[in-house]
Amino acid sequence: MSDEELYRIARAQVEQKRGFWIHLSVYAIVNTGLALLNLATSPGSFWFVFPLIGWGIGPVAHGVYVFLLSGRYGPEWEERQVRRRRSVSGGRAEVEPAEAHRWIGRRPPTGAVLTAQALTPGL
């Protein structure tokens, strides 16, 4: 990989981690506020645990992706997939029918081939 590609990948990883920490910070601040509001207005009923648990699924899933799965399915994985498809298709990145709908009305990746079959799978 070139230095530019390595920089782009490193930058994407840093942005993912920063996004996670921002998400976690907002979660902690808002839920602390909800807990204080709950304890100040109705100390006998602990309703703040419901948004705490419900919203907590988001930061947990975000953290799993950023710290456990992004290395496996991150930018490097995407590049390997593109190289693999290009080598199989003789240098062209063919778009599979299941993915073709994403490119209708937009410019496909450089070197990609959208076949008529890919664009009209039912015909």
N, C-alpha and C. Protein backbone atom coordinates (compact mmCIF):
# COMPACT_ATOMS: atom_id res chain seq x y z
N MET A 1 0.84 -1.18 0.00
CA MET A 1 0.00 0.00 0.00
C MET A 1 0.88 1.24 0.00
N SER A 2 0.36 2.26 -0.62
CA SER A 2 1.10 3.52 -0.66
C SER A 2 0.95 4.27 0.67
N ASP A 3 1.81 5.24 0.87
CA ASP A 3 1.74 6.05 2.08
C ASP A 3 0.40 6.77 2.19
N GLU A 4 -0.13 7.20 1.04
CA GLU A 4 -1.41 7.90 1.05
C GLU A 4 -2.55 6.98 1.50
N GLU A 5 -2.54 5.73 1.03
CA GLU A 5 -3.56 4.77 1.45
C GLU A 5 -3.45 4.46 2.92
N LEU A 6 -2.22 4.27 3.41
CA LEU A 6 -2.01 4.00 4.83
C LEU A 6 -2.47 5.17 5.69
N TYR A 7 -2.21 6.39 5.22
CA TYR A 7 -2.67 7.57 5.95
C TYR A 7 -4.19 7.62 5.98
N ARG A 8 -4.82 7.34 4.83
CA ARG A 8 -6.29 7.37 4.75
C ARG A 8 -6.91 6.34 5.69
N ILE A 9 -6.32 5.15 5.76
CA ILE A 9 -6.83 4.10 6.64
C ILE A 9 -6.66 4.50 8.10
N ALA A 10 -5.47 5.01 8.44
CA ALA A 10 -5.21 5.43 9.82
C ALA A 10 -6.16 6.56 10.22
N ARG A 11 -6.39 7.48 9.30
CA ARG A 11 -7.29 8.61 9.58
C ARG A 11 -8.72 8.11 9.82
N ALA A 12 -9.16 7.15 9.02
CA ALA A 12 -10.51 6.59 9.19
C ALA A 12 -10.64 5.89 10.54
N GLN A 13 -9.60 5.18 10.97
CA GLN A 13 -9.64 4.51 12.26
C GLN A 13 -9.70 5.51 13.40
N VAL A 14 -8.95 6.57 13.30
CA VAL A 14 -8.97 7.61 14.33
C VAL A 14 -10.34 8.27 14.39
N GLU A 15 -10.94 8.54 13.23
CA GLU A 15 -12.27 9.15 13.19
C GLU A 15 -13.31 8.23 13.80
N GLN A 16 -13.19 6.92 13.56
CA GLN A 16 -14.13 5.97 14.16
C GLN A 16 -14.02 5.98 15.68
N LYS A 17 -12.80 5.97 16.19
CA LYS A 17 -12.61 5.99 17.64
C LYS A 17 -13.10 7.30 18.25
N ARG A 18 -12.84 8.41 17.57
CA ARG A 18 -13.32 9.70 18.06
C ARG A 18 -14.85 9.72 18.10
N GLY A 19 -15.47 9.18 17.07
CA GLY A 19 -16.92 9.10 17.03
C GLY A 19 -17.48 8.27 18.17
N PHE A 20 -16.80 7.17 18.49
CA PHE A 20 -17.25 6.35 19.61
C PHE A 20 -17.16 7.13 20.92
N TRP A 21 -16.04 7.81 21.16
CA TRP A 21 -15.87 8.53 22.42
C TRP A 21 -16.86 9.68 22.54
N ILE A 22 -17.18 10.33 21.44
CA ILE A 22 -18.21 11.38 21.46
C ILE A 22 -19.56 10.76 21.81
N HIS A 23 -19.89 9.65 21.18
CA HIS A 23 -21.15 8.96 21.44
C HIS A 23 -21.25 8.57 22.92
N LEU A 24 -20.16 7.99 23.45
CA LEU A 24 -20.16 7.57 24.85
C LEU A 24 -20.27 8.76 25.79
N SER A 25 -19.62 9.87 25.46
CA SER A 25 -19.69 11.06 26.31
C SER A 25 -21.10 11.63 26.35
N VAL A 26 -21.74 11.73 25.20
CA VAL A 26 -23.11 12.24 25.16
C VAL A 26 -24.03 11.32 25.94
N TYR A 27 -23.86 10.02 25.78
CA TYR A 27 -24.65 9.03 26.52
C TYR A 27 -24.49 9.25 28.02
N ALA A 28 -23.26 9.39 28.48
CA ALA A 28 -23.01 9.55 29.92
C ALA A 28 -23.60 10.87 30.44
N ILE A 29 -23.41 11.96 29.71
CA ILE A 29 -23.91 13.27 30.16
C ILE A 29 -25.43 13.29 30.21
N VAL A 30 -26.08 12.84 29.14
CA VAL A 30 -27.54 12.87 29.10
C VAL A 30 -28.14 11.94 30.16
N ASN A 31 -27.58 10.74 30.30
CA ASN A 31 -28.16 9.81 31.27
C ASN A 31 -27.88 10.23 32.71
N THR A 32 -26.78 10.92 32.95
CA THR A 32 -26.54 11.49 34.28
C THR A 32 -27.60 12.55 34.57
N GLY A 33 -27.89 13.39 33.58
CA GLY A 33 -28.95 14.39 33.73
C GLY A 33 -30.30 13.77 33.98
N LEU A 34 -30.61 12.70 33.24
CA LEU A 34 -31.89 12.01 33.44
C LEU A 34 -31.97 11.40 34.84
N ALA A 35 -30.87 10.84 35.31
CA ALA A 35 -30.85 10.25 36.66
C ALA A 35 -31.06 11.33 37.72
N LEU A 36 -30.39 12.46 37.56
CA LEU A 36 -30.57 13.56 38.52
C LEU A 36 -31.99 14.09 38.49
N LEU A 37 -32.54 14.23 37.29
CA LEU A 37 -33.92 14.69 37.15
C LEU A 37 -34.88 13.70 37.81
N ASN A 38 -34.66 12.42 37.59
CA ASN A 38 -35.50 11.39 38.18
C ASN A 38 -35.43 11.43 39.70
N LEU A 39 -34.23 11.50 40.23
CA LEU A 39 -34.07 11.50 41.69
C LEU A 39 -34.61 12.78 42.33
N ALA A 40 -34.58 13.89 41.59
CA ALA A 40 -35.09 15.15 42.13
C ALA A 40 -36.62 15.22 42.10
N THR A 41 -37.23 14.63 41.06
CA THR A 41 -38.69 14.77 40.91
C THR A 41 -39.48 13.58 41.44
N SER A 42 -38.96 12.39 41.33
CA SER A 42 -39.68 11.21 41.83
C SER A 42 -38.68 10.18 42.35
N PRO A 43 -38.16 10.41 43.56
CA PRO A 43 -37.12 9.55 44.09
C PRO A 43 -37.55 8.11 44.36
N GLY A 44 -38.83 7.87 44.46
CA GLY A 44 -39.30 6.50 44.72
C GLY A 44 -39.40 5.64 43.47
N SER A 45 -39.36 6.26 42.31
CA SER A 45 -39.49 5.55 41.04
C SER A 45 -38.23 5.77 40.21
N PHE A 46 -37.58 4.70 39.86
CA PHE A 46 -36.33 4.80 39.11
C PHE A 46 -36.56 4.53 37.62
N TRP A 47 -37.20 5.48 36.95
CA TRP A 47 -37.50 5.31 35.53
C TRP A 47 -36.30 5.57 34.63
N PHE A 48 -35.26 6.25 35.15
CA PHE A 48 -34.11 6.60 34.32
C PHE A 48 -33.35 5.36 33.82
N VAL A 49 -33.56 4.21 34.48
CA VAL A 49 -32.84 3.00 34.05
C VAL A 49 -33.31 2.52 32.67
N PHE A 50 -34.54 2.84 32.29
CA PHE A 50 -35.05 2.38 30.99
C PHE A 50 -34.33 3.06 29.83
N PRO A 51 -34.21 4.40 29.83
CA PRO A 51 -33.40 4.99 28.75
C PRO A 51 -31.91 4.62 28.88
N LEU A 52 -31.46 4.43 30.11
CA LEU A 52 -30.06 4.04 30.33
C LEU A 52 -29.77 2.71 29.64
N ILE A 53 -30.65 1.75 29.82
CA ILE A 53 -30.46 0.42 29.20
C ILE A 53 -30.74 0.48 27.70
N GLY A 54 -31.85 1.12 27.32
CA GLY A 54 -32.23 1.17 25.91
C GLY A 54 -31.19 1.87 25.05
N TRP A 55 -30.75 3.02 25.49
CA TRP A 55 -29.74 3.76 24.74
C TRP A 55 -28.38 3.10 24.89
N GLY A 56 -28.16 2.38 25.98
CA GLY A 56 -26.88 1.72 26.22
C GLY A 56 -26.52 0.69 25.17
N ILE A 57 -27.52 0.16 24.50
CA ILE A 57 -27.26 -0.81 23.42
C ILE A 57 -26.45 -0.14 22.31
N GLY A 58 -26.73 1.13 22.04
CA GLY A 58 -26.02 1.86 20.98
C GLY A 58 -24.52 1.99 21.23
N PRO A 59 -24.11 2.54 22.39
CA PRO A 59 -22.67 2.64 22.64
C PRO A 59 -21.96 1.28 22.70
N VAL A 60 -22.66 0.27 23.22
CA VAL A 60 -22.04 -1.07 23.25
C VAL A 60 -21.81 -1.58 21.83
N ALA A 61 -22.83 -1.48 20.98
CA ALA A 61 -22.68 -1.92 19.59
C ALA A 61 -21.63 -1.09 18.85
N HIS A 62 -21.62 0.21 19.10
CA HIS A 62 -20.64 1.09 18.47
C HIS A 62 -19.23 0.70 18.91
N GLY A 63 -19.04 0.44 20.20
CA GLY A 63 -17.74 0.04 20.71
C GLY A 63 -17.28 -1.30 20.16
N VAL A 64 -18.21 -2.25 20.05
CA VAL A 64 -17.86 -3.56 19.47
C VAL A 64 -17.38 -3.38 18.04
N TYR A 65 -18.09 -2.57 17.29
CA TYR A 65 -17.68 -2.36 15.90
C TYR A 65 -16.31 -1.68 15.81
N VAL A 66 -16.14 -0.58 16.55
CA VAL A 66 -14.91 0.20 16.44
C VAL A 66 -13.70 -0.57 16.96
N PHE A 67 -13.83 -1.23 18.11
CA PHE A 67 -12.66 -1.83 18.73
C PHE A 67 -12.47 -3.31 18.41
N LEU A 68 -13.52 -4.00 17.98
CA LEU A 68 -13.38 -5.42 17.68
C LEU A 68 -13.53 -5.77 16.21
N LEU A 69 -14.51 -5.15 15.54
CA LEU A 69 -14.80 -5.54 14.17
C LEU A 69 -14.20 -4.65 13.10
N SER A 70 -13.88 -3.40 13.43
CA SER A 70 -13.40 -2.51 12.37
C SER A 70 -12.07 -2.98 11.81
N GLY A 71 -11.26 -3.64 12.62
CA GLY A 71 -10.02 -4.20 12.10
C GLY A 71 -10.29 -5.32 11.13
N ARG A 72 -11.34 -6.06 11.40
CA ARG A 72 -11.69 -7.19 10.54
C ARG A 72 -12.45 -6.73 9.30
N TYR A 73 -13.37 -5.78 9.47
CA TYR A 73 -14.21 -5.33 8.36
C TYR A 73 -14.02 -3.85 8.08
N GLY A 74 -12.83 -3.35 8.29
CA GLY A 74 -12.54 -1.93 8.08
C GLY A 74 -12.04 -1.65 6.68
N PRO A 75 -11.35 -0.54 6.53
CA PRO A 75 -10.87 -0.13 5.20
C PRO A 75 -9.95 -1.15 4.54
N GLU A 76 -9.11 -1.83 5.34
CA GLU A 76 -8.22 -2.83 4.75
C GLU A 76 -9.02 -3.96 4.12
N TRP A 77 -10.07 -4.41 4.84
CA TRP A 77 -10.93 -5.48 4.34
C TRP A 77 -11.59 -5.04 3.03
N GLU A 78 -12.07 -3.79 2.99
CA GLU A 78 -12.71 -3.28 1.77
C GLU A 78 -11.73 -3.30 0.60
N GLU A 79 -10.50 -2.87 0.86
CA GLU A 79 -9.50 -2.86 -0.21
C GLU A 79 -9.20 -4.27 -0.69
N ARG A 80 -9.10 -5.22 0.24
CA ARG A 80 -8.85 -6.62 -0.16
C ARG A 80 -10.00 -7.15 -1.02
N GLN A 81 -11.23 -6.81 -0.65
CA GLN A 81 -12.39 -7.26 -1.42
C GLN A 81 -12.37 -6.69 -2.83
N VAL A 82 -12.03 -5.41 -2.95
CA VAL A 82 -11.97 -4.77 -4.27
C VAL A 82 -10.88 -5.41 -5.11
N ARG A 83 -9.70 -5.63 -4.51
CA ARG A 83 -8.60 -6.26 -5.26
C ARG A 83 -8.99 -7.67 -5.69
N ARG A 84 -9.65 -8.42 -4.81
CA ARG A 84 -10.06 -9.78 -5.14
C ARG A 84 -11.05 -9.78 -6.31
N ARG A 85 -12.02 -8.88 -6.28
CA ARG A 85 -12.99 -8.83 -7.37
C ARG A 85 -12.36 -8.39 -8.68
N ARG A 86 -11.43 -7.45 -8.58
CA ARG A 86 -10.76 -7.00 -9.81
C ARG A 86 -9.92 -8.12 -10.41
N SER A 87 -9.27 -8.92 -9.58
CA SER A 87 -8.44 -10.00 -10.11
C SER A 87 -9.29 -11.09 -10.74
N VAL A 88 -10.46 -11.35 -10.19
CA VAL A 88 -11.36 -12.37 -10.74
C VAL A 88 -11.97 -11.92 -12.06
N SER A 89 -12.24 -10.61 -12.18
CA SER A 89 -12.93 -10.11 -13.37
C SER A 89 -11.98 -9.55 -14.43
N GLY A 90 -10.71 -9.90 -14.35
CA GLY A 90 -9.76 -9.44 -15.36
C GLY A 90 -9.46 -7.96 -15.27
N GLY A 91 -9.43 -7.42 -14.08
CA GLY A 91 -9.08 -6.01 -13.92
C GLY A 91 -10.27 -5.09 -13.78
N ARG A 92 -11.48 -5.59 -14.05
CA ARG A 92 -12.68 -4.76 -13.89
C ARG A 92 -13.39 -5.17 -12.61
N ALA A 93 -13.89 -4.20 -11.91
CA ALA A 93 -14.65 -4.49 -10.69
C ALA A 93 -16.11 -4.63 -11.08
N GLU A 94 -16.56 -5.85 -11.26
CA GLU A 94 -17.95 -6.06 -11.64
C GLU A 94 -18.84 -5.90 -10.42
N VAL A 95 -19.99 -5.29 -10.62
CA VAL A 95 -20.94 -5.07 -9.54
C VAL A 95 -21.95 -6.20 -9.57
N GLU A 96 -22.11 -6.86 -8.43
CA GLU A 96 -23.05 -7.97 -8.34
C GLU A 96 -24.47 -7.44 -8.40
N PRO A 97 -25.42 -8.26 -8.88
CA PRO A 97 -26.81 -7.81 -8.98
C PRO A 97 -27.37 -7.29 -7.65
N ALA A 98 -27.01 -7.92 -6.56
CA ALA A 98 -27.53 -7.49 -5.26
C ALA A 98 -27.04 -6.10 -4.88
N GLU A 99 -25.92 -5.67 -5.44
CA GLU A 99 -25.36 -4.37 -5.10
C GLU A 99 -25.66 -3.30 -6.16
N ALA A 100 -26.20 -3.69 -7.28
CA ALA A 100 -26.36 -2.77 -8.41
C ALA A 100 -27.30 -1.61 -8.07
N HIS A 101 -28.33 -1.86 -7.25
CA HIS A 101 -29.29 -0.80 -6.94
C HIS A 101 -28.62 0.39 -6.27
N ARG A 102 -27.48 0.18 -5.60
CA ARG A 102 -26.79 1.27 -4.95
C ARG A 102 -26.20 2.25 -5.95
N TRP A 103 -25.99 1.81 -7.19
CA TRP A 103 -25.30 2.64 -8.16
C TRP A 103 -26.23 3.26 -9.20
N ILE A 104 -27.53 2.95 -9.16
CA ILE A 104 -28.46 3.54 -10.11
C ILE A 104 -28.56 5.03 -9.82
N GLY A 105 -28.31 5.85 -10.82
CA GLY A 105 -28.37 7.29 -10.66
C GLY A 105 -27.10 7.89 -10.10
N ARG A 106 -26.12 7.06 -9.77
CA ARG A 106 -24.84 7.55 -9.27
C ARG A 106 -23.73 6.95 -10.11
N ARG A 107 -22.59 7.53 -10.02
CA ARG A 107 -21.46 7.03 -10.78
C ARG A 107 -20.85 5.83 -10.04
N PRO A 108 -20.73 4.69 -10.71
CA PRO A 108 -20.14 3.52 -10.06
C PRO A 108 -18.65 3.72 -9.85
N PRO A 109 -18.01 2.85 -9.04
CA PRO A 109 -16.58 2.98 -8.81
C PRO A 109 -15.80 2.93 -10.12
N THR A 110 -14.65 3.55 -10.13
CA THR A 110 -13.81 3.57 -11.32
C THR A 110 -13.50 2.15 -11.76
N GLY A 111 -13.75 1.88 -13.02
CA GLY A 111 -13.47 0.56 -13.57
C GLY A 111 -14.58 -0.45 -13.36
N ALA A 112 -15.65 -0.07 -12.68
CA ALA A 112 -16.74 -1.02 -12.43
C ALA A 112 -17.59 -1.18 -13.68
N VAL A 113 -18.18 -2.35 -13.79
CA VAL A 113 -19.02 -2.65 -14.93
C VAL A 113 -20.41 -2.98 -14.41
N LEU A 114 -21.41 -2.18 -14.79
CA LEU A 114 -22.79 -2.48 -14.44
C LEU A 114 -23.42 -3.16 -15.64
N THR A 115 -23.71 -4.42 -15.49
CA THR A 115 -24.29 -5.16 -16.61
C THR A 115 -25.81 -4.94 -16.63
N ALA A 116 -26.41 -5.18 -17.77
CA ALA A 116 -27.86 -5.07 -17.87
C ALA A 116 -28.53 -6.04 -16.94
N GLN A 117 -27.95 -7.21 -16.77
CA GLN A 117 -28.51 -8.21 -15.86
C GLN A 117 -28.45 -7.72 -14.42
N ALA A 118 -27.39 -7.03 -14.06
CA ALA A 118 -27.27 -6.51 -12.71
C ALA A 118 -28.30 -5.44 -12.42
N LEU A 119 -28.61 -4.63 -13.44
CA LEU A 119 -29.57 -3.55 -13.25
C LEU A 119 -31.02 -4.01 -13.33
N THR A 120 -31.27 -5.11 -14.02
CA THR A 120 -32.62 -5.63 -14.16
C THR A 120 -32.61 -7.13 -13.84
N PRO A 121 -32.43 -7.49 -12.55
CA PRO A 121 -32.29 -8.90 -12.21
C PRO A 121 -33.55 -9.73 -12.45
N GLY A 122 -34.73 -9.10 -12.49
CA GLY A 122 -35.96 -9.86 -12.69
C GLY A 122 -36.27 -10.17 -14.13
N LEU A 123 -35.55 -9.58 -15.07
CA LEU A 123 -35.86 -9.78 -16.48
C LEU A 123 -35.06 -10.90 -17.09
